[in-house]
């Protein structure tokens, strides 16, 4: 009788261990299952060779005129060598936005997350005539080594120059980085969801050449607003398809193509219209509509453990709430990313 009791106890203990093991091995949500499935495969990025075939006179010399006050070329190791990022976030910021840059560094672009997200951030600024601001910026560059600075004055109407400049920097210094994300410094990013989306995208096409974002296919020029353009600047009644400029993703294979076609497209100061619309159309770069998949304008659970990656135009209080939510659920995603390498 005592032997039978011991056998029964042993059987119960074995079943308990088995059940616990099974429970621990099961994904805790559909989102975690998706992360596990996507990360199990290792996508391989393939650089595409590009040869310019367009003929005719050039009308825009900006690419050849780009010079840098700071390009981080002295950094050792450089931003994209050694541990090449999977996605390089080029953060559009003004010289005086010191607090915004610090917030990005301590939230979604925190270096400790790189092993899981593959994301590195570089801040992109223009020049300033304010010597005090420049001195403070120089100190920040020395401290963090993550800011590049072009020599044109940093104004809203120079955003097209800034965007073309950052792409030229990517072309010269980051040839093997699969994805470039152009992001304003007030956008909240879930870097774990970004990694998951781009991982899946690369699995479907190892040599992608698109622009991903909030696409607009029949946008009209505004004639009376902050974004107003005159008939002389843009005479047509509609813009070509564009993606909105607060946050979008450019596949690395599209970067060289876009830059090659910039000289053949007259400059327009609206950077999203210019680069993702006029230049992309000329270059044959397709836009990928991801508004419902990747974007939100309010704090939502999908930003924490769904597919949403970008919180656009957040209120000050929403930034902190959103990031706290992302971090509250991130440990589950990170644990799966660790297991799957």
Protein backbone atom coordinates (compact mmCIF):
# COMPACT_ATOMS: atom_id res chain seq x y z
CA UNK A 1 0.00 0.00 0.00
CA UNK A 2 2.83 2.37 0.92
CA UNK A 3 4.59 1.58 -2.39
CA UNK A 4 1.45 2.35 -4.36
CA UNK A 5 1.13 5.67 -2.51
CA UNK A 6 4.70 6.60 -3.40
CA UNK A 7 4.09 5.76 -7.05
CA UNK A 8 0.97 7.94 -7.07
CA UNK A 9 2.81 10.85 -5.46
CA UNK A 10 5.63 10.52 -7.96
CA UNK A 11 3.17 10.46 -10.85
CA UNK A 12 1.41 13.59 -9.57
CA UNK A 13 4.72 15.43 -9.18
CA UNK A 14 5.80 14.48 -12.69
CA UNK A 15 2.49 15.68 -14.15
CA UNK A 16 2.79 18.95 -12.23
CA UNK A 17 6.28 19.57 -13.61
CA UNK A 18 5.05 18.73 -17.12
CA UNK A 19 2.09 21.13 -16.87
CA UNK A 20 4.24 23.96 -15.51
CA UNK A 21 6.78 23.43 -18.28
CA UNK A 22 4.06 23.53 -20.93
CA UNK A 23 2.52 26.68 -19.46
CA UNK A 24 5.86 28.46 -19.36
CA UNK A 25 6.62 27.50 -22.94
CA UNK A 26 3.33 28.78 -24.33
CA UNK A 27 3.23 32.37 -25.69
CA UNK A 28 1.19 34.63 -23.41
CA UNK A 29 -0.67 36.44 -26.20
CA UNK A 30 -1.23 36.44 -29.96
CA UNK A 31 1.31 39.27 -30.19
CA UNK A 32 3.94 37.16 -28.47
CA UNK A 33 3.19 34.28 -30.82
CA UNK A 34 3.77 36.61 -33.75
CA UNK A 35 7.07 37.81 -32.31
CA UNK A 36 8.19 34.22 -31.69
CA UNK A 37 7.23 33.11 -35.17
CA UNK A 38 8.86 36.06 -36.92
CA UNK A 39 12.09 35.96 -34.95
CA UNK A 40 12.56 32.21 -35.42
CA UNK A 41 13.59 32.90 -39.02
CA UNK A 42 16.60 35.10 -39.66
CA UNK A 43 16.03 37.40 -42.63
CA UNK A 44 18.96 38.28 -44.83
CA UNK A 45 19.16 41.78 -46.31
CA UNK A 46 20.37 41.95 -49.92
CA UNK A 47 21.80 45.23 -51.25
CA UNK A 48 20.60 46.00 -54.75
CA UNK A 49 22.98 47.42 -57.32
CA UNK A 50 21.65 50.60 -58.88
CA UNK A 51 22.52 52.30 -62.16
CA UNK A 52 21.01 55.67 -63.06
CA UNK A 53 19.37 55.57 -66.49
CA UNK A 54 17.70 58.99 -66.60
CA UNK A 55 18.86 61.49 -69.21
CA UNK A 56 18.47 65.23 -69.49
CA UNK A 57 19.61 68.39 -67.68
CA UNK A 58 19.76 68.59 -63.91
CA UNK A 59 17.72 71.29 -62.14
CA UNK A 60 18.62 70.80 -58.47
CA UNK A 61 22.28 70.86 -57.35
CA UNK A 62 21.61 70.32 -53.63
CA UNK A 63 23.12 66.81 -53.35
CA UNK A 64 26.47 68.01 -54.63
CA UNK A 65 26.40 71.03 -52.32
CA UNK A 66 25.92 69.19 -49.02
CA UNK A 67 28.65 69.90 -46.49
CA UNK A 68 28.78 68.99 -42.81
CA UNK A 69 29.74 70.97 -39.74
CA UNK A 70 29.65 67.61 -37.95
CA UNK A 71 29.37 64.20 -39.63
CA UNK A 72 30.70 61.88 -36.85
CA UNK A 73 33.30 60.56 -39.31
CA UNK A 74 35.82 60.57 -36.44
CA UNK A 75 33.70 58.28 -34.26
CA UNK A 76 35.37 54.92 -33.53
CA UNK A 77 33.66 52.61 -33.97
CA UNK A 78 31.46 54.47 -36.40
CA UNK A 79 27.68 54.47 -36.08
CA UNK A 80 27.09 51.75 -38.65
CA UNK A 81 30.27 49.68 -38.48
CA UNK A 82 31.03 46.91 -36.04
CA UNK A 83 27.45 46.38 -34.86
CA UNK A 84 25.43 47.40 -37.90
CA UNK A 85 21.95 48.55 -36.90
CA UNK A 86 18.92 46.75 -38.31
CA UNK A 87 17.13 50.09 -38.44
CA UNK A 88 18.74 53.53 -38.22
CA UNK A 89 16.45 56.21 -36.79
CA UNK A 90 17.34 59.60 -38.25
CA UNK A 91 15.67 61.96 -35.79
CA UNK A 92 14.73 65.39 -37.12
CA UNK A 93 15.37 67.95 -34.39
CA UNK A 94 16.09 71.65 -33.96
CA UNK A 95 19.37 72.86 -32.48
CA UNK A 96 17.63 74.17 -29.36
CA UNK A 97 15.65 70.94 -28.68
CA UNK A 98 18.03 69.61 -26.02
CA UNK A 99 15.27 68.19 -23.81
CA UNK A 100 13.57 66.38 -26.68
CA UNK A 101 16.83 64.66 -27.62
CA UNK A 102 17.47 63.63 -24.04
CA UNK A 103 13.97 62.16 -23.85
CA UNK A 104 14.55 60.10 -26.98
CA UNK A 105 17.88 58.82 -25.62
CA UNK A 106 16.30 57.70 -22.36
CA UNK A 107 13.22 56.09 -23.90
CA UNK A 108 12.84 54.36 -27.26
CA UNK A 109 16.43 54.90 -28.49
CA UNK A 110 18.07 53.79 -25.26
CA UNK A 111 21.29 51.90 -26.16
CA UNK A 112 20.42 49.05 -23.79
CA UNK A 113 17.56 48.05 -26.10
CA UNK A 114 19.80 47.64 -29.16
CA UNK A 115 20.34 43.91 -28.63
CA UNK A 116 16.58 43.38 -28.98
CA UNK A 117 15.55 46.13 -31.40
CA UNK A 118 18.61 46.56 -33.59
CA UNK A 119 17.85 50.30 -33.52
CA UNK A 120 20.33 53.16 -33.30
CA UNK A 121 19.40 56.84 -33.40
CA UNK A 122 21.22 59.74 -35.00
CA UNK A 123 19.93 63.30 -34.51
CA UNK A 124 19.93 65.59 -37.54
CA UNK A 125 20.26 69.36 -37.13
CA UNK A 126 21.14 72.34 -39.29
CA UNK A 127 23.30 75.36 -38.50
CA UNK A 128 22.59 78.21 -36.10
CA UNK A 129 23.86 81.79 -35.89
CA UNK A 130 23.50 81.71 -32.10
CA UNK A 131 26.99 81.14 -30.68
CA UNK A 132 25.69 80.15 -27.24
CA UNK A 133 23.40 77.49 -28.74
CA UNK A 134 26.24 76.18 -30.90
CA UNK A 135 28.57 75.89 -27.91
CA UNK A 136 25.93 73.90 -26.01
CA UNK A 137 25.36 71.70 -29.05
CA UNK A 138 29.10 71.06 -29.39
CA UNK A 139 29.19 69.91 -25.77
CA UNK A 140 26.25 67.60 -26.44
CA UNK A 141 27.97 66.15 -29.50
CA UNK A 142 31.11 65.44 -27.45
CA UNK A 143 29.04 63.83 -24.71
CA UNK A 144 26.80 61.56 -26.81
CA UNK A 145 28.41 61.28 -30.28
CA UNK A 146 25.01 60.93 -31.95
CA UNK A 147 24.38 64.27 -33.72
CA UNK A 148 25.15 65.28 -37.30
CA UNK A 149 24.93 68.93 -38.36
CA UNK A 150 24.62 70.37 -41.86
CA UNK A 151 25.83 73.84 -42.76
CA UNK A 152 22.45 75.32 -43.83
CA UNK A 153 20.44 77.39 -41.35
CA UNK A 154 17.99 75.18 -39.44
CA UNK A 155 14.54 76.49 -40.36
CA UNK A 156 11.21 74.86 -41.15
CA UNK A 157 11.45 75.85 -44.80
CA UNK A 158 14.80 74.07 -45.04
CA UNK A 159 13.38 70.65 -44.09
CA UNK A 160 13.77 69.33 -47.64
CA UNK A 161 17.48 70.17 -47.51
CA UNK A 162 17.72 68.47 -44.12
CA UNK A 163 16.04 65.28 -45.35
CA UNK A 164 18.14 65.07 -48.51
CA UNK A 165 21.23 65.68 -46.38
CA UNK A 166 20.44 62.86 -43.96
CA UNK A 167 19.93 60.44 -46.85
CA UNK A 168 23.29 61.44 -48.30
CA UNK A 169 24.88 60.74 -44.91
CA UNK A 170 23.22 57.31 -44.81
CA UNK A 171 24.50 56.60 -48.33
CA UNK A 172 28.06 57.45 -47.33
CA UNK A 173 28.24 55.91 -43.85
CA UNK A 174 25.63 53.14 -43.56
CA UNK A 175 25.70 50.96 -46.68
CA UNK A 176 24.58 47.73 -44.97
CA UNK A 177 21.77 49.00 -42.75
CA UNK A 178 18.50 47.52 -44.11
CA UNK A 179 16.10 50.26 -42.98
CA UNK A 180 16.11 54.00 -42.33
CA UNK A 181 13.38 55.59 -40.20
CA UNK A 182 12.95 59.35 -40.50
CA UNK A 183 11.27 60.46 -37.26
CA UNK A 184 10.43 63.82 -35.67
CA UNK A 185 11.77 64.27 -32.15
CA UNK A 186 8.30 64.46 -30.54
CA UNK A 187 7.08 61.08 -31.84
CA UNK A 188 6.80 58.17 -29.40
CA UNK A 189 8.18 54.93 -30.89
CA UNK A 190 7.67 51.34 -29.79
CA UNK A 191 11.04 50.00 -30.99
CA UNK A 192 10.06 46.38 -30.32
CA UNK A 193 7.02 46.61 -32.60
CA UNK A 194 9.17 48.38 -35.19
CA UNK A 195 11.64 45.48 -35.16
CA UNK A 196 8.84 42.97 -35.53
CA UNK A 197 7.27 44.79 -38.49
CA UNK A 198 10.54 45.24 -40.37
CA UNK A 199 11.63 41.68 -39.63
CA UNK A 200 8.47 40.36 -41.27
CA UNK A 201 8.86 42.80 -44.18
CA UNK A 202 12.38 41.56 -44.86
CA UNK A 203 11.26 37.94 -44.71
CA UNK A 204 8.81 38.58 -47.57
CA UNK A 205 11.39 40.45 -49.66
CA UNK A 206 15.14 40.33 -48.87
CA UNK A 207 15.80 43.26 -51.22
CA UNK A 208 12.99 45.76 -50.50
CA UNK A 209 12.77 49.22 -52.08
CA UNK A 210 9.75 51.07 -50.66
CA UNK A 211 8.73 53.98 -48.47
CA UNK A 212 6.39 52.99 -45.61
CA UNK A 213 4.10 55.46 -43.91
CA UNK A 214 0.79 57.31 -43.70
CA UNK A 215 0.14 57.54 -47.41
CA UNK A 216 -2.04 60.19 -49.05
CA UNK A 217 -2.94 59.48 -52.66
CA UNK A 218 -4.97 62.55 -53.67
CA UNK A 219 -3.68 65.38 -51.48
CA UNK A 220 -4.24 68.92 -52.70
CA UNK A 221 -1.82 71.81 -52.21
CA UNK A 222 -2.87 74.23 -49.48
CA UNK A 223 -2.84 77.84 -50.60
CA UNK A 224 -3.61 79.49 -47.22
CA UNK A 225 -2.03 77.83 -44.17
CA UNK A 226 1.26 77.03 -42.47
CA UNK A 227 1.90 74.59 -45.31
CA UNK A 228 0.72 76.91 -48.08
CA UNK A 229 2.53 76.82 -51.41
CA UNK A 230 2.07 79.33 -54.17
CA UNK A 231 1.10 78.56 -57.74
CA UNK A 232 4.63 79.55 -58.71
CA UNK A 233 6.09 76.99 -56.26
CA UNK A 234 3.69 74.21 -57.29
CA UNK A 235 1.16 74.92 -60.07
CA UNK A 236 -0.63 71.53 -60.19
CA UNK A 237 -3.99 70.93 -58.49
CA UNK A 238 -2.90 67.73 -56.73
CA UNK A 239 0.28 66.32 -55.29
CA UNK A 240 1.51 62.90 -56.38
CA UNK A 241 1.05 60.16 -53.75
CA UNK A 242 3.02 61.06 -50.60
CA UNK A 243 3.57 59.82 -47.05
CA UNK A 244 3.24 62.32 -44.21
CA UNK A 245 6.54 63.50 -42.81
CA UNK A 246 6.34 63.08 -39.03
CA UNK A 247 7.53 59.45 -39.21
CA UNK A 248 8.19 57.14 -42.15
CA UNK A 249 10.50 54.30 -43.12
CA UNK A 250 12.74 54.14 -46.19
CA UNK A 251 14.12 50.77 -47.29
CA UNK A 252 17.89 51.10 -47.68
CA UNK A 253 17.75 50.08 -51.34
CA UNK A 254 15.53 53.10 -52.02
CA UNK A 255 18.00 55.59 -50.54
CA UNK A 256 20.53 55.61 -53.38
CA UNK A 257 17.76 55.70 -55.98
CA UNK A 258 16.05 58.69 -54.37
CA UNK A 259 19.31 60.60 -54.08
CA UNK A 260 20.17 59.86 -57.71
CA UNK A 261 16.90 61.43 -58.87
CA UNK A 262 16.96 64.52 -56.61
CA UNK A 263 19.02 66.53 -59.15
CA UNK A 264 16.25 66.05 -61.73
CA UNK A 265 13.40 67.32 -59.53
CA UNK A 266 13.04 71.05 -58.68
CA UNK A 267 13.20 71.69 -54.93
CA UNK A 268 10.01 72.18 -52.93
CA UNK A 269 10.26 73.13 -49.26
CA UNK A 270 7.57 70.68 -48.10
CA UNK A 271 9.90 67.75 -47.45
CA UNK A 272 7.31 64.96 -47.43
CA UNK A 273 5.79 66.20 -50.69
CA UNK A 274 9.22 66.67 -52.22
CA UNK A 275 11.01 63.45 -51.25
CA UNK A 276 8.23 60.88 -50.81
CA UNK A 277 6.07 62.43 -53.53
CA UNK A 278 7.86 64.22 -56.37
CA UNK A 279 11.24 62.48 -56.14
CA UNK A 280 9.79 59.04 -55.34
CA UNK A 281 7.44 59.29 -58.32
CA UNK A 282 10.31 60.26 -60.63
CA UNK A 283 12.46 57.43 -59.25
CA UNK A 284 9.73 54.78 -59.40
CA UNK A 285 9.80 54.14 -55.64
CA UNK A 286 6.49 52.73 -54.42
CA UNK A 287 4.72 53.85 -51.26
CA UNK A 288 3.48 51.29 -48.75
CA UNK A 289 0.35 52.33 -46.82
CA UNK A 290 0.86 51.42 -43.17
CA UNK A 291 -1.34 53.99 -41.43
CA UNK A 292 -3.73 51.52 -39.80
CA UNK A 293 -0.94 49.08 -38.96
CA UNK A 294 1.79 51.27 -37.50
CA UNK A 295 0.32 54.64 -36.46
CA UNK A 296 -1.93 56.15 -33.83
CA UNK A 297 -2.73 59.66 -32.62
CA UNK A 298 -3.90 58.54 -29.18
CA UNK A 299 -2.57 56.23 -26.50
CA UNK A 300 -3.93 52.78 -27.23
CA UNK A 301 -3.30 49.22 -26.07
CA UNK A 302 -2.16 48.34 -29.59
CA UNK A 303 0.86 50.57 -29.01
CA UNK A 304 1.87 48.33 -26.10
CA UNK A 305 1.38 44.82 -27.44
CA UNK A 306 -0.25 45.15 -30.86
CA UNK A 307 1.34 46.27 -34.10
CA UNK A 308 1.23 50.06 -33.61
CA UNK A 309 4.71 51.57 -33.64
CA UNK A 310 4.38 55.37 -33.83
CA UNK A 311 2.37 57.72 -31.59
CA UNK A 312 2.05 60.93 -33.62
CA UNK A 313 1.73 64.44 -32.14
CA UNK A 314 1.40 63.29 -28.51
CA UNK A 315 0.46 65.71 -25.76
CA UNK A 316 3.16 66.14 -23.14
CA UNK A 317 1.41 63.92 -20.60
CA UNK A 318 0.66 61.27 -23.23
CA UNK A 319 4.35 60.82 -24.07
CA UNK A 320 5.17 59.57 -20.58
CA UNK A 321 1.98 57.49 -20.30
CA UNK A 322 2.66 55.84 -23.67
CA UNK A 323 6.27 55.02 -22.86
CA UNK A 324 5.37 53.62 -19.44
CA UNK A 325 2.83 51.35 -21.14
CA UNK A 326 5.36 50.20 -23.73
CA UNK A 327 7.83 49.32 -20.99
CA UNK A 328 5.22 47.64 -18.82
CA UNK A 329 4.57 45.03 -21.52
CA UNK A 330 8.03 44.96 -23.12
CA UNK A 331 9.49 42.31 -20.81
CA UNK A 332 7.33 39.66 -22.46
CA UNK A 333 8.51 40.67 -25.91
CA UNK A 334 12.13 40.95 -24.80
CA UNK A 335 12.08 37.48 -23.23
CA UNK A 336 10.95 36.00 -26.54
CA UNK A 337 13.53 38.01 -28.50
CA UNK A 338 16.24 36.69 -26.16
CA UNK A 339 15.14 33.10 -26.74
CA UNK A 340 15.11 33.52 -30.48
CA UNK A 341 18.39 35.40 -30.69
